[in-house]
Amino acid sequence: MDARVSTWKERIENALEEQDKNPPFDMGSYGEQILDTISSRTDSTGIASFSEIVCGRPKYEVARTFSALLQPVNGRSVDLDKGQTTNELVCYTAENPFHVRLIGLNQRPEIEARFAQKRV
């Protein structure tokens, strides 16, 4: 039992040391990067796949980017496009990604109406 606890403790300490090497997580900065990436890669369509947004980034940055994406979704700066809606469960991957769509000022009333309908 002591050997298992010692092994577990060593793995946790190594993982924490590795995490400490990464820069601090600034959600606002990541949110700005997301919006900048979508704006620059979309050819004025306002849509980019999540795979495009995180292309070439290390795993910890993919996780941070996804977490930060929730803020502009909640603030209604972007909307998630999951493709055709079906009753089947879907696993989104790099090969089958969901898309992030910028919400322009002229599209906000449409999105606001959709959110209002969900709350009722």
Protein backbone atom coordinates (compact mmCIF):
# COMPACT_ATOMS: atom_id res chain seq x y z
CA MET A 1 0.00 0.00 0.00
CA ASP A 2 2.84 2.42 0.84
CA ALA A 3 4.43 1.76 -2.54
CA ARG A 4 1.18 2.58 -4.37
CA VAL A 5 0.72 5.80 -2.43
CA SER A 6 4.34 6.76 -3.05
CA THR A 7 3.99 6.10 -6.79
CA TRP A 8 0.75 8.09 -6.93
CA LYS A 9 2.32 10.99 -5.02
CA GLU A 10 5.31 11.04 -7.37
CA ARG A 11 3.06 11.11 -10.46
CA ILE A 12 0.97 13.95 -9.02
CA GLU A 13 4.04 15.97 -8.08
CA ASN A 14 5.51 15.49 -11.57
CA ALA A 15 2.23 16.56 -13.17
CA LEU A 16 2.03 19.65 -10.96
CA GLU A 17 5.63 20.59 -11.75
CA GLU A 18 4.84 20.26 -15.46
CA GLN A 19 1.77 22.49 -15.05
CA ASP A 20 3.82 25.12 -13.24
CA LYS A 21 6.00 25.47 -16.35
CA ASN A 22 2.99 26.73 -18.35
CA PRO A 23 2.13 30.44 -18.36
CA PRO A 24 -0.78 31.53 -16.12
CA PHE A 25 -4.27 31.09 -17.52
CA ASP A 26 -5.80 34.45 -18.50
CA MET A 27 -9.32 33.78 -19.75
CA GLY A 28 -9.68 37.26 -21.26
CA SER A 29 -6.50 36.87 -23.28
CA TYR A 30 -7.57 33.49 -24.59
CA GLY A 31 -11.00 34.91 -25.49
CA GLU A 32 -9.37 37.69 -27.49
CA GLN A 33 -7.17 35.14 -29.27
CA ILE A 34 -10.25 33.12 -30.19
CA LEU A 35 -12.01 36.16 -31.66
CA ASP A 36 -8.85 37.24 -33.50
CA THR A 37 -8.35 33.75 -34.92
CA ILE A 38 -11.93 33.51 -36.14
CA SER A 39 -11.77 36.98 -37.67
CA SER A 40 -8.53 36.28 -39.51
CA ARG A 41 -9.25 32.73 -40.78
CA THR A 42 -12.83 32.86 -41.89
CA ASP A 43 -12.69 34.73 -45.20
CA SER A 44 -15.43 37.03 -43.90
CA THR A 45 -17.86 34.15 -43.30
CA GLY A 46 -17.42 34.53 -39.54
CA ILE A 47 -17.07 30.77 -39.02
CA ALA A 48 -14.10 28.62 -38.05
CA SER A 49 -13.89 25.07 -36.75
CA PHE A 50 -12.59 24.58 -33.24
CA SER A 51 -9.84 22.46 -34.82
CA GLU A 52 -8.70 25.48 -36.85
CA ILE A 53 -8.71 27.66 -33.76
CA VAL A 54 -6.47 25.29 -31.77
CA CYS A 55 -4.38 23.91 -34.63
CA GLY A 56 -0.79 23.30 -33.55
CA ARG A 57 -1.36 24.17 -29.90
CA PRO A 58 -0.28 21.90 -27.04
CA LYS A 59 -2.98 19.91 -25.19
CA TYR A 60 -3.08 22.23 -22.20
CA GLU A 61 -3.78 25.19 -24.51
CA VAL A 62 -6.57 23.29 -26.27
CA ALA A 63 -8.24 22.76 -22.89
CA ARG A 64 -7.71 26.39 -21.90
CA THR A 65 -9.05 27.61 -25.24
CA PHE A 66 -12.19 25.50 -24.88
CA SER A 67 -12.72 26.81 -21.34
CA ALA A 68 -12.20 30.39 -22.50
CA LEU A 69 -14.59 29.83 -25.43
CA LEU A 70 -17.45 29.51 -22.98
CA GLN A 71 -17.12 33.18 -21.98
CA PRO A 72 -17.76 34.68 -25.46
CA VAL A 73 -20.53 32.11 -26.00
CA ASN A 74 -22.17 33.26 -22.77
CA GLY A 75 -21.57 36.91 -23.72
CA ARG A 76 -23.12 36.17 -27.12
CA SER A 77 -20.09 37.30 -29.10
CA VAL A 78 -19.94 33.89 -30.74
CA ASP A 79 -22.29 30.98 -31.27
CA LEU A 80 -21.49 27.28 -31.53
CA ASP A 81 -22.55 25.57 -34.74
CA LYS A 82 -22.81 21.83 -34.24
CA GLY A 83 -24.07 21.06 -37.72
CA GLN A 84 -27.36 19.34 -38.36
CA THR A 85 -29.33 18.63 -35.22
CA THR A 86 -30.25 15.01 -34.73
CA ASN A 87 -31.33 12.95 -31.76
CA GLU A 88 -28.16 10.90 -32.02
CA LEU A 89 -25.17 11.46 -29.76
CA VAL A 90 -22.24 13.04 -31.56
CA CYS A 91 -18.59 13.03 -30.56
CA TYR A 92 -16.81 16.11 -31.86
CA THR A 93 -13.20 15.49 -32.84
CA ALA A 94 -10.55 17.04 -35.06
CA GLU A 95 -12.05 15.07 -37.95
CA ASN A 96 -15.64 15.98 -36.98
CA PRO A 97 -15.34 19.39 -35.28
CA PHE A 98 -17.95 21.82 -34.11
CA HIS A 99 -17.70 25.34 -35.52
CA VAL A 100 -17.58 28.74 -33.86
CA ARG A 101 -19.47 31.56 -35.54
CA LEU A 102 -18.97 35.25 -34.84
CA ILE A 103 -22.20 37.02 -34.03
CA GLY A 104 -22.37 40.37 -35.75
CA LEU A 105 -24.41 43.24 -34.40
CA ASN A 106 -27.09 42.59 -37.03
CA GLN A 107 -27.38 38.94 -35.94
CA ARG A 108 -27.69 39.60 -32.19
CA PRO A 109 -31.50 40.11 -32.17
CA GLU A 110 -31.92 36.69 -33.80
CA ILE A 111 -29.67 35.08 -31.19
CA GLU A 112 -31.36 37.01 -28.35
CA ALA A 113 -34.73 35.71 -29.52
CA ARG A 114 -33.41 32.15 -29.58
CA PHE A 115 -32.08 32.46 -26.02
CA ALA A 116 -35.35 34.00 -24.82
CA GLN A 117 -37.30 31.04 -26.25
CA LYS A 118 -35.05 28.57 -24.40
CA ARG A 119 -35.70 30.26 -21.04
CA VAL A 120 -39.49 30.02 -21.29
